[in-house]
Amino acid sequence: MTESTFVEHALIEQLLDSLRELPDVHAELTQSEPAAQAAGRVDAKIDLHVAGRSIVLLVEAKKSVYPRDVRQALWQLKSLQQGPSYCLT
C-alpha cells in the first residue's frame, strides 16, 4: 500500500468514524477503491441512514489538492451522480 493510498484510506475511515458519532446516524462503507482505480470511479461509497432518510455519499479522498483539482474532482463526482439522494463529499 503506497503512502497516498494509506492516507486516503485513513481519511475515509476518519470520515466514517465521525459520521457514526453523530446522533441518529448509521454509516456503512459499501465500496472502497484503491488509489490506482479506473477512470470514473470514486474512492468510497458510503450508505447513510439519518433520521429515517437514506443518503449515499460519493467520496473522493485526496491528501492535498490545488483548486483546479477540486473542480475536476467535483466534475467527476457530478458525472457519477445518478439521482437526488446522492451527496458529494
C-alpha atoms as a PDB file:
ATOM      1  CA  MET A   1       0.000   0.000   0.000  1.00  0.00           C
ATOM      2  CA  THR A   2       1.505   3.336  -1.037  1.00  0.00           C
ATOM      3  CA  GLU A   3       1.599   6.322   1.306  1.00  0.00           C
ATOM      4  CA  SER A   4      -1.060   8.061  -0.781  1.00  0.00           C
ATOM      5  CA  THR A   5      -3.357   5.031  -0.638  1.00  0.00           C
ATOM      6  CA  PHE A   6      -2.799   4.741   3.108  1.00  0.00           C
ATOM      7  CA  VAL A   7      -3.645   8.430   3.642  1.00  0.00           C
ATOM      8  CA  GLU A   8      -6.808   8.193   1.521  1.00  0.00           C
ATOM      9  CA  HIS A   9      -7.914   5.061   3.393  1.00  0.00           C
ATOM     10  CA  ALA A  10      -7.263   6.776   6.744  1.00  0.00           C
ATOM     11  CA  LEU A  11      -9.267   9.855   5.665  1.00  0.00           C
ATOM     12  CA  ILE A  12     -12.222   7.681   4.687  1.00  0.00           C
ATOM     13  CA  GLU A  13     -12.063   5.789   7.995  1.00  0.00           C
ATOM     14  CA  GLN A  14     -11.957   9.091   9.931  1.00  0.00           C
ATOM     15  CA  LEU A  15     -14.990  10.321   7.990  1.00  0.00           C
ATOM     16  CA  LEU A  16     -16.862   7.101   8.788  1.00  0.00           C
ATOM     17  CA  ASP A  17     -15.945   7.344  12.482  1.00  0.00           C
ATOM     18  CA  SER A  18     -17.096  10.983  12.628  1.00  0.00           C
ATOM     19  CA  LEU A  19     -20.388  10.177  10.919  1.00  0.00           C
ATOM     20  CA  ARG A  20     -21.025   7.238  13.255  1.00  0.00           C
ATOM     21  CA  GLU A  21     -20.566   9.501  16.300  1.00  0.00           C
ATOM     22  CA  LEU A  22     -23.494  11.679  15.221  1.00  0.00           C
ATOM     23  CA  PRO A  23     -26.865  11.001  16.844  1.00  0.00           C
ATOM     24  CA  ASP A  24     -29.441   9.065  14.824  1.00  0.00           C
ATOM     25  CA  VAL A  25     -26.887   8.239  12.075  1.00  0.00           C
ATOM     26  CA  HIS A  26     -25.899   4.835  10.713  1.00  0.00           C
ATOM     27  CA  ALA A  27     -22.989   4.870   8.236  1.00  0.00           C
ATOM     28  CA  GLU A  28     -21.740   1.872   6.261  1.00  0.00           C
ATOM     29  CA  LEU A  29     -18.895   1.711   3.752  1.00  0.00           C
ATOM     30  CA  THR A  30     -20.322  -0.091   0.720  1.00  0.00           C
ATOM     31  CA  GLN A  31     -17.493   0.435  -1.765  1.00  0.00           C
ATOM     32  CA  SER A  32     -13.821   1.217  -1.398  1.00  0.00           C
ATOM     33  CA  GLU A  33     -11.425   1.547  -4.327  1.00  0.00           C
ATOM     34  CA  PRO A  34      -7.624   1.607  -4.340  1.00  0.00           C
ATOM     35  CA  ALA A  35      -5.810   4.751  -5.473  1.00  0.00           C
ATOM     36  CA  ALA A  36      -4.932   3.208  -8.858  1.00  0.00           C
ATOM     37  CA  GLN A  37      -8.543   2.993  -9.917  1.00  0.00           C
ATOM     38  CA  ALA A  38     -10.261   3.099 -13.257  1.00  0.00           C
ATOM     39  CA  ALA A  39     -11.425   6.478 -14.516  1.00  0.00           C
ATOM     40  CA  GLY A  40     -14.946   7.282 -13.445  1.00  0.00           C
ATOM     41  CA  ARG A  41     -14.746   5.511 -10.075  1.00  0.00           C
ATOM     42  CA  VAL A  42     -14.854   7.073  -6.610  1.00  0.00           C
ATOM     43  CA  ASP A  43     -12.620   6.267  -3.636  1.00  0.00           C
ATOM     44  CA  ALA A  44     -15.564   5.270  -1.468  1.00  0.00           C
ATOM     45  CA  LYS A  45     -19.323   4.992  -1.410  1.00  0.00           C
ATOM     46  CA  ILE A  46     -20.962   5.361   1.998  1.00  0.00           C
ATOM     47  CA  ASP A  47     -24.586   4.473   2.702  1.00  0.00           C
ATOM     48  CA  LEU A  48     -26.020   6.785   5.354  1.00  0.00           C
ATOM     49  CA  HIS A  49     -29.259   6.459   7.237  1.00  0.00           C
ATOM     50  CA  VAL A  50     -30.061   9.726   9.005  1.00  0.00           C
ATOM     51  CA  ALA A  51     -33.295  10.120  10.955  1.00  0.00           C
ATOM     52  CA  GLY A  52     -35.105   7.692   8.667  1.00  0.00           C
ATOM     53  CA  ARG A  53     -33.657   9.061   5.403  1.00  0.00           C
ATOM     54  CA  SER A  54     -31.261   7.155   3.179  1.00  0.00           C
ATOM     55  CA  ILE A  55     -28.393   9.063   1.579  1.00  0.00           C
ATOM     56  CA  VAL A  56     -25.441   7.849  -0.475  1.00  0.00           C
ATOM     57  CA  LEU A  57     -22.139   9.722  -0.118  1.00  0.00           C
ATOM     58  CA  LEU A  58     -19.698   9.508  -3.006  1.00  0.00           C
ATOM     59  CA  VAL A  59     -16.215  10.200  -1.629  1.00  0.00           C
ATOM     60  CA  GLU A  60     -13.072  11.243  -3.480  1.00  0.00           C
ATOM     61  CA  ALA A  61     -10.268  11.427  -0.883  1.00  0.00           C
ATOM     62  CA  LYS A  62      -7.138  13.466  -1.551  1.00  0.00           C
ATOM     63  CA  LYS A  63      -4.079  14.076   0.639  1.00  0.00           C
ATOM     64  CA  SER A  64      -3.698  17.580  -0.807  1.00  0.00           C
ATOM     65  CA  VAL A  65      -5.150  19.376  -3.821  1.00  0.00           C
ATOM     66  CA  TYR A  66      -4.961  22.584  -5.787  1.00  0.00           C
ATOM     67  CA  PRO A  67      -8.204  24.495  -6.511  1.00  0.00           C
ATOM     68  CA  ARG A  68      -8.260  23.228 -10.110  1.00  0.00           C
ATOM     69  CA  ASP A  69      -8.018  19.657  -8.776  1.00  0.00           C
ATOM     70  CA  VAL A  70     -11.059  20.231  -6.564  1.00  0.00           C
ATOM     71  CA  ARG A  71     -13.024  21.487  -9.561  1.00  0.00           C
ATOM     72  CA  GLN A  72     -12.028  18.406 -11.574  1.00  0.00           C
ATOM     73  CA  ALA A  73     -12.965  16.065  -8.699  1.00  0.00           C
ATOM     74  CA  LEU A  74     -16.372  17.758  -8.402  1.00  0.00           C
ATOM     75  CA  TRP A  75     -16.971  17.333 -12.136  1.00  0.00           C
ATOM     76  CA  GLN A  76     -16.058  13.662 -11.810  1.00  0.00           C
ATOM     77  CA  LEU A  77     -18.438  13.160  -8.881  1.00  0.00           C
ATOM     78  CA  LYS A  78     -21.240  15.064 -10.603  1.00  0.00           C
ATOM     79  CA  SER A  79     -20.859  12.858 -13.674  1.00  0.00           C
ATOM     80  CA  LEU A  80     -21.341   9.816 -11.419  1.00  0.00           C
ATOM     81  CA  GLN A  81     -24.344  11.249  -9.625  1.00  0.00           C
ATOM     82  CA  GLN A  82     -27.358   9.117 -10.504  1.00  0.00           C
ATOM     83  CA  GLY A  83     -30.139  10.681  -8.501  1.00  0.00           C
ATOM     84  CA  PRO A  84     -31.176  13.320  -5.974  1.00  0.00           C
ATOM     85  CA  SER A  85     -30.272  11.109  -2.990  1.00  0.00           C
ATOM     86  CA  TYR A  86     -26.522  11.300  -3.721  1.00  0.00           C
ATOM     87  CA  CYS A  87     -24.409  13.713  -1.706  1.00  0.00           C
ATOM     88  CA  LEU A  88     -20.997  14.795  -2.973  1.00  0.00           C
ATOM     89  CA  THR A  89     -18.123  14.997  -0.451  1.00  0.00           C
END
